[in-house]
N, C-alpha and C. Protein backbone atom coordinates (compact mmCIF):
# COMPACT_ATOMS: atom_id res chain seq x y z
N MET A 1 20.51 -45.80 -14.32
CA MET A 1 20.49 -44.70 -13.54
C MET A 1 20.23 -43.36 -14.45
N SER A 2 19.34 -42.59 -14.02
CA SER A 2 19.11 -41.37 -14.81
C SER A 2 20.07 -40.31 -14.61
N ASN A 3 20.15 -39.37 -15.57
CA ASN A 3 21.18 -38.19 -15.46
C ASN A 3 20.94 -37.45 -14.03
N ALA A 4 19.79 -37.15 -13.68
CA ALA A 4 19.43 -36.59 -12.52
C ALA A 4 20.00 -37.23 -11.34
N THR A 5 19.86 -38.62 -11.20
CA THR A 5 20.29 -39.46 -10.15
C THR A 5 21.83 -39.48 -10.32
N ALA A 6 22.43 -39.53 -11.54
CA ALA A 6 23.94 -39.60 -11.54
C ALA A 6 24.42 -38.29 -11.04
N SER A 7 23.79 -37.13 -11.42
CA SER A 7 24.27 -35.83 -10.96
C SER A 7 24.19 -35.71 -9.47
N GLY A 8 23.08 -36.17 -9.01
CA GLY A 8 22.88 -36.08 -7.54
C GLY A 8 23.93 -36.94 -6.81
N ASP A 9 24.28 -38.06 -7.34
CA ASP A 9 25.24 -38.97 -6.74
C ASP A 9 26.55 -38.34 -6.73
N VAL A 10 26.94 -37.71 -7.73
CA VAL A 10 28.34 -36.95 -7.87
C VAL A 10 28.32 -35.98 -6.73
N VAL A 11 27.32 -35.04 -6.70
CA VAL A 11 27.36 -33.96 -5.67
C VAL A 11 27.31 -34.54 -4.20
N GLN A 12 26.44 -35.48 -4.05
CA GLN A 12 26.33 -36.03 -2.70
C GLN A 12 27.65 -36.69 -2.27
N THR A 13 28.22 -37.46 -3.19
CA THR A 13 29.45 -38.06 -2.80
C THR A 13 30.61 -37.06 -2.65
N PHE A 14 30.67 -36.03 -3.45
CA PHE A 14 31.62 -34.94 -3.30
C PHE A 14 31.59 -34.35 -1.89
N PHE A 15 30.35 -33.91 -1.48
CA PHE A 15 30.33 -33.26 -0.19
C PHE A 15 30.41 -34.17 1.00
N ALA A 16 30.16 -35.46 0.61
CA ALA A 16 30.28 -36.45 1.88
C ALA A 16 31.79 -36.81 2.12
N ASN A 17 32.67 -36.47 1.11
CA ASN A 17 34.13 -36.97 1.21
C ASN A 17 34.92 -35.70 1.37
N ILE A 18 34.59 -34.48 1.11
CA ILE A 18 35.61 -33.37 1.28
C ILE A 18 35.68 -32.83 2.58
N HIS A 19 36.79 -32.15 2.96
CA HIS A 19 37.00 -31.36 4.10
C HIS A 19 37.71 -30.14 3.74
N ALA A 20 37.61 -29.10 4.56
CA ALA A 20 38.26 -27.87 4.29
C ALA A 20 39.78 -28.02 4.34
N PRO A 21 40.45 -27.21 3.46
CA PRO A 21 41.94 -27.18 3.50
C PRO A 21 42.49 -26.65 4.81
N THR A 22 43.51 -27.15 5.24
CA THR A 22 44.27 -26.58 6.36
C THR A 22 44.92 -25.29 5.91
N GLN A 23 45.34 -24.53 6.90
CA GLN A 23 46.07 -23.31 6.57
C GLN A 23 47.42 -23.59 5.79
N SER A 24 48.05 -24.64 6.20
CA SER A 24 49.35 -24.97 5.48
C SER A 24 49.02 -25.49 4.00
N GLN A 25 47.93 -26.11 3.90
CA GLN A 25 47.44 -26.50 2.50
C GLN A 25 47.07 -25.22 1.66
N LEU A 26 46.52 -24.36 2.26
CA LEU A 26 46.06 -23.15 1.59
C LEU A 26 47.33 -22.34 1.19
N ASP A 27 48.26 -22.22 2.19
CA ASP A 27 49.54 -21.49 1.95
C ASP A 27 50.24 -22.15 0.74
N MET A 28 50.36 -23.42 0.76
CA MET A 28 51.01 -24.06 -0.27
C MET A 28 50.40 -23.72 -1.71
N LEU A 29 49.10 -23.80 -1.71
CA LEU A 29 48.29 -23.44 -3.04
C LEU A 29 48.48 -22.03 -3.40
N THR A 30 48.26 -21.13 -2.43
CA THR A 30 48.33 -19.63 -2.84
C THR A 30 49.60 -19.07 -2.88
N LYS A 31 50.48 -19.35 -1.91
CA LYS A 31 51.85 -18.72 -1.83
C LYS A 31 52.85 -19.33 -2.80
N LYS A 32 52.92 -20.79 -2.67
CA LYS A 32 53.90 -21.48 -3.38
C LYS A 32 53.62 -21.65 -4.91
N LEU A 33 52.31 -21.85 -5.15
CA LEU A 33 51.85 -22.11 -6.46
C LEU A 33 51.20 -20.82 -7.20
N GLY A 34 50.96 -19.87 -6.32
CA GLY A 34 50.44 -18.55 -6.88
C GLY A 34 48.92 -18.75 -7.24
N ILE A 35 48.15 -19.54 -6.74
CA ILE A 35 46.84 -19.69 -7.02
C ILE A 35 45.96 -18.67 -6.26
N PRO A 36 45.19 -17.76 -6.89
CA PRO A 36 44.37 -16.81 -6.15
C PRO A 36 43.37 -17.62 -5.23
N ILE A 37 43.13 -17.05 -4.07
CA ILE A 37 42.17 -17.67 -3.05
C ILE A 37 40.76 -17.84 -3.69
N MET A 38 40.35 -16.84 -4.41
CA MET A 38 38.99 -16.93 -4.99
C MET A 38 38.92 -17.93 -6.04
N ALA A 39 39.94 -18.36 -6.69
CA ALA A 39 39.91 -19.46 -7.66
C ALA A 39 39.68 -20.74 -6.98
N LEU A 40 40.07 -20.83 -5.71
CA LEU A 40 39.77 -22.11 -5.02
C LEU A 40 38.41 -22.15 -4.41
N ALA A 41 37.79 -20.92 -4.36
CA ALA A 41 36.40 -20.75 -3.66
C ALA A 41 35.31 -21.14 -4.71
N HIS A 42 35.39 -20.63 -6.06
CA HIS A 42 34.38 -20.96 -6.99
C HIS A 42 34.74 -20.58 -8.23
N ASP A 43 33.96 -21.13 -9.24
CA ASP A 43 34.28 -20.80 -10.74
C ASP A 43 34.11 -19.47 -11.03
N ARG A 44 34.63 -18.88 -12.27
CA ARG A 44 34.48 -17.54 -12.59
C ARG A 44 33.18 -16.98 -12.72
N ASP A 45 32.18 -17.95 -13.08
CA ASP A 45 30.86 -17.45 -13.20
C ASP A 45 30.03 -17.46 -11.95
N GLY A 46 30.65 -17.82 -10.81
CA GLY A 46 29.98 -17.91 -9.45
C GLY A 46 29.11 -19.13 -9.33
N GLY A 47 28.91 -19.89 -10.33
CA GLY A 47 27.90 -20.99 -10.21
C GLY A 47 28.60 -22.30 -9.98
N GLY A 48 29.87 -22.39 -9.78
CA GLY A 48 30.62 -23.61 -9.82
C GLY A 48 30.79 -24.14 -8.34
N THR A 49 31.58 -24.96 -8.29
CA THR A 49 31.88 -25.61 -6.99
C THR A 49 33.20 -25.27 -6.33
N CYS A 50 33.18 -25.11 -5.10
CA CYS A 50 34.47 -24.84 -4.34
C CYS A 50 35.39 -26.02 -4.53
N MET A 51 36.66 -25.82 -4.15
CA MET A 51 37.57 -26.91 -4.07
C MET A 51 37.53 -27.50 -2.60
N GLY A 52 37.72 -28.70 -2.51
CA GLY A 52 37.82 -29.30 -1.26
C GLY A 52 38.88 -30.42 -1.10
N MET A 53 39.28 -30.70 0.01
CA MET A 53 40.45 -31.80 0.12
C MET A 53 39.75 -33.06 0.35
N ILE A 54 40.42 -34.13 -0.36
CA ILE A 54 39.87 -35.44 -0.37
C ILE A 54 41.05 -36.33 -0.12
N ARG A 55 40.73 -37.61 0.56
CA ARG A 55 41.74 -38.66 0.68
C ARG A 55 41.28 -39.70 -0.37
N VAL A 56 42.25 -40.12 -1.15
CA VAL A 56 41.93 -41.15 -2.27
C VAL A 56 43.03 -42.12 -2.27
N GLU A 57 42.55 -43.38 -2.79
CA GLU A 57 43.45 -44.33 -3.27
C GLU A 57 43.55 -44.33 -4.71
N ARG A 58 44.59 -44.07 -5.28
CA ARG A 58 44.86 -44.05 -6.72
C ARG A 58 45.14 -45.31 -7.47
N SER A 59 44.46 -45.40 -8.57
CA SER A 59 44.70 -46.57 -9.52
C SER A 59 44.80 -46.03 -10.90
N GLY A 60 45.98 -45.71 -11.48
CA GLY A 60 46.02 -45.13 -12.69
C GLY A 60 45.64 -43.66 -12.77
N GLN A 61 44.61 -43.44 -13.64
CA GLN A 61 44.12 -42.13 -13.67
C GLN A 61 42.68 -42.12 -12.98
N ARG A 62 42.41 -43.09 -12.13
CA ARG A 62 41.11 -43.29 -11.41
C ARG A 62 41.51 -43.25 -9.94
N PHE A 63 40.40 -43.11 -9.02
CA PHE A 63 40.63 -43.19 -7.64
C PHE A 63 39.37 -43.60 -6.94
N ASP A 64 39.51 -43.98 -5.77
CA ASP A 64 38.38 -44.35 -4.86
C ASP A 64 38.67 -43.57 -3.59
N PHE A 65 37.60 -43.19 -2.96
CA PHE A 65 37.79 -42.39 -1.69
C PHE A 65 38.29 -43.19 -0.64
N SER A 66 38.97 -42.70 0.36
CA SER A 66 39.50 -43.53 1.48
C SER A 66 39.33 -42.67 2.67
N ASP A 67 39.40 -43.38 3.89
CA ASP A 67 39.31 -42.85 5.18
C ASP A 67 40.60 -43.02 5.81
N ASP A 68 41.70 -43.51 5.10
CA ASP A 68 43.01 -43.82 5.59
C ASP A 68 43.69 -42.55 6.05
N PRO A 69 43.91 -42.24 7.36
CA PRO A 69 44.56 -41.02 7.62
C PRO A 69 46.07 -40.90 7.28
N VAL A 70 46.68 -42.08 6.74
CA VAL A 70 48.06 -42.03 6.35
C VAL A 70 48.09 -41.33 4.95
N LEU A 71 47.04 -41.47 4.26
CA LEU A 71 47.04 -40.95 2.83
C LEU A 71 47.02 -39.39 2.93
N ARG A 72 47.87 -38.74 2.13
CA ARG A 72 47.83 -37.24 2.04
C ARG A 72 46.65 -36.77 1.34
N PRO A 73 45.81 -35.75 1.82
CA PRO A 73 44.75 -35.25 1.11
C PRO A 73 45.13 -34.53 -0.13
N ILE A 74 44.37 -34.62 -1.16
CA ILE A 74 44.57 -33.86 -2.45
C ILE A 74 43.36 -33.07 -2.70
N CYS A 75 43.53 -32.23 -3.66
CA CYS A 75 42.33 -31.40 -3.94
C CYS A 75 41.29 -32.05 -4.75
N GLY A 76 40.06 -31.71 -4.54
CA GLY A 76 38.99 -32.24 -5.32
C GLY A 76 38.07 -31.25 -5.84
N PHE A 77 37.43 -31.59 -6.97
CA PHE A 77 36.54 -30.54 -7.70
C PHE A 77 35.43 -31.44 -8.33
N ILE A 78 34.37 -30.85 -8.39
CA ILE A 78 33.26 -31.41 -9.25
C ILE A 78 33.51 -31.12 -10.65
N ALA A 79 33.47 -32.19 -11.56
CA ALA A 79 33.64 -31.89 -13.03
C ALA A 79 32.29 -31.68 -13.61
N TRP A 80 31.95 -30.49 -14.09
CA TRP A 80 30.69 -30.24 -14.71
C TRP A 80 30.80 -30.46 -16.28
N ASN A 81 29.79 -31.20 -16.91
CA ASN A 81 29.86 -31.45 -18.25
C ASN A 81 29.45 -30.13 -19.02
N ARG A 82 29.31 -30.19 -20.34
CA ARG A 82 29.05 -28.98 -21.23
C ARG A 82 27.67 -28.54 -21.03
N TRP A 83 26.79 -29.41 -20.40
CA TRP A 83 25.38 -29.04 -20.18
C TRP A 83 25.15 -28.56 -18.79
N ASP A 84 26.29 -28.14 -18.17
CA ASP A 84 26.24 -27.74 -16.59
C ASP A 84 25.71 -28.73 -15.73
N GLU A 85 26.04 -30.10 -16.03
CA GLU A 85 25.49 -31.01 -15.04
C GLU A 85 26.79 -31.73 -14.36
N PRO A 86 26.73 -31.92 -13.14
CA PRO A 86 27.89 -32.62 -12.47
C PRO A 86 28.00 -34.04 -13.07
N GLU A 87 29.15 -34.45 -13.59
CA GLU A 87 29.34 -35.73 -14.13
C GLU A 87 30.33 -36.61 -13.41
N ASP A 88 31.28 -35.94 -12.67
CA ASP A 88 32.40 -36.84 -12.11
C ASP A 88 33.11 -35.94 -11.02
N ILE A 89 33.99 -36.49 -10.27
CA ILE A 89 34.83 -35.82 -9.35
C ILE A 89 36.31 -35.95 -9.77
N VAL A 90 36.86 -34.86 -9.85
CA VAL A 90 38.31 -34.79 -10.20
C VAL A 90 39.14 -34.60 -9.00
N GLY A 91 40.28 -35.37 -8.85
CA GLY A 91 41.28 -35.20 -7.82
C GLY A 91 42.53 -34.74 -8.31
N TRP A 92 43.17 -33.76 -7.68
CA TRP A 92 44.55 -33.30 -8.23
C TRP A 92 45.48 -33.19 -7.00
N SER A 93 46.62 -33.74 -7.25
CA SER A 93 47.64 -33.67 -6.23
C SER A 93 48.71 -32.60 -6.61
N PRO A 94 48.65 -31.50 -6.06
CA PRO A 94 49.72 -30.45 -6.47
C PRO A 94 51.21 -30.91 -6.17
N ARG A 95 51.37 -31.86 -5.16
CA ARG A 95 52.70 -32.34 -4.86
C ARG A 95 53.33 -33.03 -6.13
N ASP A 96 52.62 -33.83 -6.88
CA ASP A 96 53.22 -34.55 -7.95
C ASP A 96 52.47 -34.28 -9.38
N ASP A 97 51.55 -33.36 -9.42
CA ASP A 97 50.76 -32.90 -10.50
C ASP A 97 49.98 -34.12 -11.05
N TRP A 98 49.45 -35.01 -10.14
CA TRP A 98 48.56 -36.10 -10.59
C TRP A 98 47.22 -35.55 -10.74
N THR A 99 46.44 -36.03 -11.76
CA THR A 99 45.08 -35.71 -11.91
C THR A 99 44.46 -37.13 -12.27
N GLY A 100 43.17 -37.30 -11.84
CA GLY A 100 42.47 -38.56 -11.93
C GLY A 100 41.06 -38.24 -11.57
N SER A 101 40.17 -39.24 -11.99
CA SER A 101 38.77 -39.02 -11.67
C SER A 101 38.13 -40.19 -11.05
N TRP A 102 37.09 -39.97 -10.26
CA TRP A 102 36.43 -41.02 -9.57
C TRP A 102 35.73 -42.08 -10.46
N LYS A 103 34.86 -41.59 -11.46
CA LYS A 103 34.13 -42.49 -12.20
C LYS A 103 34.84 -42.68 -13.57
N GLY A 104 35.83 -41.98 -13.93
CA GLY A 104 36.39 -42.07 -15.32
C GLY A 104 35.73 -41.39 -16.38
N GLN A 105 34.76 -40.56 -16.04
CA GLN A 105 33.97 -39.87 -17.05
C GLN A 105 34.37 -38.60 -17.40
N ALA A 106 35.06 -37.78 -16.57
CA ALA A 106 35.59 -36.43 -16.70
C ALA A 106 36.67 -36.41 -17.80
N VAL A 107 36.41 -35.80 -18.82
CA VAL A 107 37.39 -35.55 -19.90
C VAL A 107 38.16 -34.20 -19.64
N LEU A 108 37.46 -33.06 -19.48
CA LEU A 108 38.02 -31.85 -19.27
C LEU A 108 37.44 -31.19 -17.95
N LEU A 109 38.32 -30.61 -17.12
CA LEU A 109 37.90 -29.86 -16.00
C LEU A 109 37.52 -28.41 -16.53
N GLY A 110 36.38 -27.87 -16.36
CA GLY A 110 35.90 -26.56 -16.91
C GLY A 110 35.12 -26.92 -18.26
N GLU A 111 34.71 -28.18 -18.56
CA GLU A 111 33.99 -28.51 -19.74
C GLU A 111 32.82 -27.74 -19.94
N HIS A 112 32.07 -27.25 -18.91
CA HIS A 112 30.87 -26.46 -19.06
C HIS A 112 31.13 -25.11 -19.83
N GLU A 113 32.50 -24.68 -19.92
CA GLU A 113 32.75 -23.52 -20.71
C GLU A 113 32.70 -23.67 -22.26
N LEU A 114 32.58 -25.04 -22.60
CA LEU A 114 32.42 -25.21 -24.01
C LEU A 114 31.19 -24.65 -24.61
N GLN A 115 30.24 -24.48 -23.90
CA GLN A 115 28.87 -23.91 -24.32
C GLN A 115 28.85 -22.37 -24.20
N SER A 116 29.71 -21.85 -23.47
CA SER A 116 29.85 -20.35 -23.27
C SER A 116 30.16 -19.76 -24.57
N PRO A 117 29.43 -18.65 -24.95
CA PRO A 117 29.81 -17.91 -26.19
C PRO A 117 31.17 -17.38 -26.24
N ARG A 118 32.09 -17.64 -27.13
CA ARG A 118 33.35 -17.21 -27.20
C ARG A 118 33.51 -15.88 -28.08
N LEU A 119 32.58 -15.56 -28.91
CA LEU A 119 32.65 -14.47 -29.75
C LEU A 119 33.95 -14.27 -30.47
N GLY A 120 34.43 -15.32 -31.11
CA GLY A 120 35.79 -15.34 -31.81
C GLY A 120 36.91 -15.43 -30.83
N THR A 121 36.81 -15.48 -29.56
CA THR A 121 37.92 -15.64 -28.77
C THR A 121 38.31 -17.13 -28.46
N PRO A 122 39.47 -17.50 -28.71
CA PRO A 122 39.97 -18.88 -28.53
C PRO A 122 39.63 -19.42 -27.05
N LEU A 123 39.41 -20.66 -26.97
CA LEU A 123 39.18 -21.19 -25.64
C LEU A 123 40.53 -21.50 -25.08
N PRO A 124 40.83 -20.98 -23.88
CA PRO A 124 42.21 -21.30 -23.26
C PRO A 124 42.11 -22.82 -22.82
N VAL A 125 43.27 -23.51 -23.11
CA VAL A 125 43.36 -24.87 -22.77
C VAL A 125 44.73 -24.93 -21.96
N HIS A 126 44.63 -25.38 -20.75
CA HIS A 126 45.75 -25.50 -19.76
C HIS A 126 46.42 -26.88 -19.76
N LEU A 127 47.67 -26.83 -19.55
CA LEU A 127 48.33 -28.16 -19.45
C LEU A 127 48.21 -28.79 -18.03
N ASP A 128 47.90 -27.99 -17.02
CA ASP A 128 47.81 -28.52 -15.69
C ASP A 128 46.76 -27.71 -14.86
N VAL A 129 46.38 -28.41 -13.81
CA VAL A 129 45.19 -27.75 -12.87
C VAL A 129 45.81 -26.44 -12.26
N ALA A 130 47.07 -26.41 -11.93
CA ALA A 130 47.53 -25.15 -11.25
C ALA A 130 47.37 -23.91 -12.26
N SER A 131 47.77 -24.06 -13.47
CA SER A 131 47.64 -23.06 -14.46
C SER A 131 46.12 -22.71 -14.68
N TRP A 132 45.34 -23.67 -14.69
CA TRP A 132 43.78 -23.37 -14.74
C TRP A 132 43.30 -22.53 -13.66
N LEU A 133 43.75 -22.94 -12.48
CA LEU A 133 43.35 -22.17 -11.18
C LEU A 133 43.96 -20.81 -11.19
N ARG A 134 45.22 -20.63 -11.70
CA ARG A 134 45.79 -19.30 -11.66
C ARG A 134 45.14 -18.42 -12.63
N SER A 135 44.43 -18.94 -13.66
CA SER A 135 43.64 -18.20 -14.58
C SER A 135 42.15 -17.89 -14.07
N HIS A 136 41.96 -18.26 -12.88
CA HIS A 136 40.64 -18.17 -12.14
C HIS A 136 39.57 -19.11 -12.90
N ARG A 137 40.11 -20.22 -13.35
CA ARG A 137 39.29 -21.31 -13.88
C ARG A 137 38.82 -20.87 -15.38
N GLU A 138 39.49 -19.99 -16.03
CA GLU A 138 39.06 -19.73 -17.28
C GLU A 138 39.54 -20.81 -18.25
N GLY A 139 38.74 -21.33 -19.10
CA GLY A 139 39.00 -22.36 -20.04
C GLY A 139 38.90 -23.73 -19.38
N VAL A 140 39.76 -24.60 -20.00
CA VAL A 140 39.66 -26.02 -19.61
C VAL A 140 41.12 -26.58 -19.49
N VAL A 141 41.09 -27.74 -18.67
CA VAL A 141 42.36 -28.52 -18.55
C VAL A 141 41.95 -29.94 -18.79
N ALA A 142 42.75 -30.60 -19.70
CA ALA A 142 42.53 -31.99 -19.94
C ALA A 142 42.79 -32.89 -18.80
N ILE A 143 41.76 -33.75 -18.40
CA ILE A 143 41.95 -34.65 -17.39
C ILE A 143 42.18 -36.01 -18.05
N ASP A 144 41.38 -36.30 -19.10
CA ASP A 144 41.67 -37.60 -19.83
C ASP A 144 42.26 -37.18 -21.20
N ARG A 145 43.57 -37.25 -21.30
CA ARG A 145 44.29 -36.79 -22.42
C ARG A 145 44.03 -37.54 -23.70
N LYS A 146 43.50 -38.81 -23.53
CA LYS A 146 43.37 -39.79 -24.53
C LYS A 146 42.02 -39.29 -25.40
N ARG A 147 41.06 -38.68 -24.59
CA ARG A 147 39.81 -38.36 -25.15
C ARG A 147 39.58 -36.87 -25.32
N ALA A 148 40.51 -36.02 -24.86
CA ALA A 148 40.32 -34.59 -24.89
C ALA A 148 40.32 -34.09 -26.32
N TRP A 149 41.04 -34.71 -27.23
CA TRP A 149 40.98 -34.12 -28.54
C TRP A 149 39.62 -34.09 -29.24
N ARG A 150 38.91 -35.18 -28.87
CA ARG A 150 37.41 -35.22 -29.40
C ARG A 150 36.59 -34.15 -28.81
N ALA A 151 36.72 -33.79 -27.68
CA ALA A 151 35.84 -32.79 -27.04
C ALA A 151 36.22 -31.44 -27.55
N LEU A 152 37.51 -31.25 -27.85
CA LEU A 152 37.83 -29.80 -28.39
C LEU A 152 38.03 -29.81 -29.93
N GLU A 153 37.55 -30.93 -30.59
CA GLU A 153 37.62 -30.85 -32.06
C GLU A 153 36.84 -29.79 -32.67
N GLY A 154 37.48 -29.08 -33.67
CA GLY A 154 36.73 -28.07 -34.33
C GLY A 154 36.79 -26.64 -33.63
N LEU A 155 37.30 -26.61 -32.40
CA LEU A 155 37.38 -25.31 -31.65
C LEU A 155 38.71 -24.68 -31.91
N THR A 156 38.86 -23.43 -31.80
CA THR A 156 40.04 -22.71 -31.80
C THR A 156 40.52 -22.63 -30.37
N VAL A 157 41.68 -22.99 -29.97
CA VAL A 157 42.07 -23.06 -28.56
C VAL A 157 43.37 -22.10 -28.39
N ALA A 158 43.56 -21.64 -27.25
CA ALA A 158 44.67 -20.83 -26.91
C ALA A 158 45.54 -21.43 -25.89
N ALA A 159 46.74 -21.43 -26.11
CA ALA A 159 47.85 -21.84 -25.21
C ALA A 159 48.51 -20.77 -24.48
N GLU A 160 49.14 -20.87 -23.23
CA GLU A 160 49.78 -19.81 -22.62
C GLU A 160 51.05 -19.33 -23.11
N THR A 161 51.85 -20.29 -23.63
CA THR A 161 53.20 -19.96 -24.24
C THR A 161 53.31 -20.88 -25.44
N VAL A 162 54.47 -20.53 -26.22
CA VAL A 162 54.69 -21.25 -27.47
C VAL A 162 55.00 -22.81 -27.02
N ASP A 163 55.81 -22.91 -25.94
CA ASP A 163 56.02 -24.26 -25.50
C ASP A 163 54.91 -24.99 -25.07
N SER A 164 53.89 -24.47 -24.42
CA SER A 164 52.72 -25.11 -23.97
C SER A 164 51.82 -25.41 -25.25
N GLY A 165 51.88 -24.45 -26.19
CA GLY A 165 51.18 -24.76 -27.49
C GLY A 165 51.74 -26.05 -28.18
N MET A 166 53.07 -26.17 -28.17
CA MET A 166 53.54 -27.44 -28.86
C MET A 166 53.21 -28.62 -28.08
N LYS A 167 53.09 -28.58 -26.75
CA LYS A 167 52.75 -29.80 -25.92
C LYS A 167 51.19 -30.03 -26.24
N LEU A 168 50.45 -28.92 -26.32
CA LEU A 168 48.94 -29.22 -26.39
C LEU A 168 48.78 -29.80 -27.99
N ARG A 169 49.61 -29.34 -28.77
CA ARG A 169 49.45 -29.99 -30.25
C ARG A 169 49.63 -31.56 -30.13
N LYS A 170 50.57 -32.00 -29.44
CA LYS A 170 50.91 -33.39 -29.16
C LYS A 170 49.62 -34.11 -28.36
N ILE A 171 49.27 -33.39 -27.26
CA ILE A 171 48.25 -33.95 -26.48
C ILE A 171 46.82 -34.10 -27.23
N LEU A 172 46.51 -32.98 -27.92
CA LEU A 172 45.15 -32.84 -28.51
C LEU A 172 45.12 -33.53 -30.02
N ALA A 173 46.12 -34.15 -30.48
CA ALA A 173 46.23 -34.85 -31.80
C ALA A 173 45.28 -36.02 -31.76
N SER A 174 44.53 -36.15 -32.78
CA SER A 174 43.68 -37.36 -32.77
C SER A 174 44.66 -38.58 -33.03
N PRO A 175 44.15 -39.66 -32.40
CA PRO A 175 45.13 -40.96 -32.67
C PRO A 175 45.02 -41.41 -34.05
N GLU A 176 46.13 -41.84 -34.55
CA GLU A 176 46.28 -42.36 -35.92
C GLU A 176 45.54 -43.82 -35.96
N PRO A 177 44.81 -44.03 -36.99
CA PRO A 177 44.11 -45.35 -37.04
C PRO A 177 45.15 -46.54 -37.17
N ARG A 178 44.75 -47.60 -36.52
CA ARG A 178 45.52 -48.86 -36.66
C ARG A 178 45.25 -49.46 -37.96
N ILE A 179 46.25 -49.81 -38.75
CA ILE A 179 46.00 -50.25 -40.15
C ILE A 179 46.73 -51.58 -40.05
N VAL A 180 45.98 -52.53 -40.71
CA VAL A 180 46.50 -53.90 -40.81
C VAL A 180 46.37 -54.32 -42.31
N VAL A 181 47.27 -55.13 -42.75
CA VAL A 181 47.16 -55.60 -44.17
C VAL A 181 46.79 -57.16 -44.05
N ARG A 182 45.88 -57.50 -44.90
CA ARG A 182 45.45 -59.01 -44.91
C ARG A 182 46.57 -59.76 -45.47
N ALA A 183 46.52 -60.94 -44.93
CA ALA A 183 47.61 -61.94 -45.22
C ALA A 183 47.58 -62.28 -46.74
N GLN A 184 46.43 -62.27 -47.40
CA GLN A 184 46.42 -62.56 -48.87
C GLN A 184 47.06 -61.44 -49.63
N ALA A 185 46.97 -60.24 -49.07
CA ALA A 185 47.71 -59.12 -49.93
C ALA A 185 49.26 -59.25 -49.72
N ILE A 186 49.59 -59.58 -48.54
CA ILE A 186 51.14 -59.79 -48.29
C ILE A 186 51.57 -60.84 -49.26
N GLU A 187 50.77 -62.07 -49.34
CA GLU A 187 51.16 -63.18 -50.17
C GLU A 187 51.42 -62.77 -51.56
N ARG A 188 50.29 -62.04 -52.13
CA ARG A 188 50.35 -61.47 -53.46
C ARG A 188 51.51 -60.54 -53.73
N ALA A 189 51.81 -59.63 -52.73
CA ALA A 189 52.89 -58.81 -52.97
C ALA A 189 54.32 -59.46 -52.97
N ALA A 190 54.45 -60.52 -52.19
CA ALA A 190 55.67 -61.45 -52.15
C ALA A 190 55.82 -62.11 -53.41
N ALA A 191 54.80 -62.49 -54.04
CA ALA A 191 54.91 -63.33 -55.22
C ALA A 191 55.39 -62.76 -56.39
């Protein structure tokens, strides 16, 4: 499948499965969580995608779309890659702060900002989607925390607080290599 076909598939699937939030859902997002209504409507640059409500069946950090009316709707976003191409759909449940993706390709929500000129300004990295939305989608939020360190490697990033900075340090640390010792070396050392 070509990139153009994959991008079209993401956009088509997103719009085929979203519905507008209800007033009570909007109130929960704006009044309870303090998210500005315009942050739900579009990205800071005006070229991004609105948020829509989706019904999903979760499986770890992945999901499949569902028509089951028993399932509570969650927020859905198109995840744009660093080349401004739609690569995945991200789901976020404000009730339990769960995030996951449809295809498992999204590493960062807001990843397209990695190509924006920073002019010495650190890239804001948020611990959760609510914080990212409260900042009017400035910066990124890690969706796949196991791979996020690689996407942000070499960049100077900014945390909101000292506590969130310490949490980000743990999240964005590259994994230590797995080291094994050959049996012959163990036998020589024991002799």
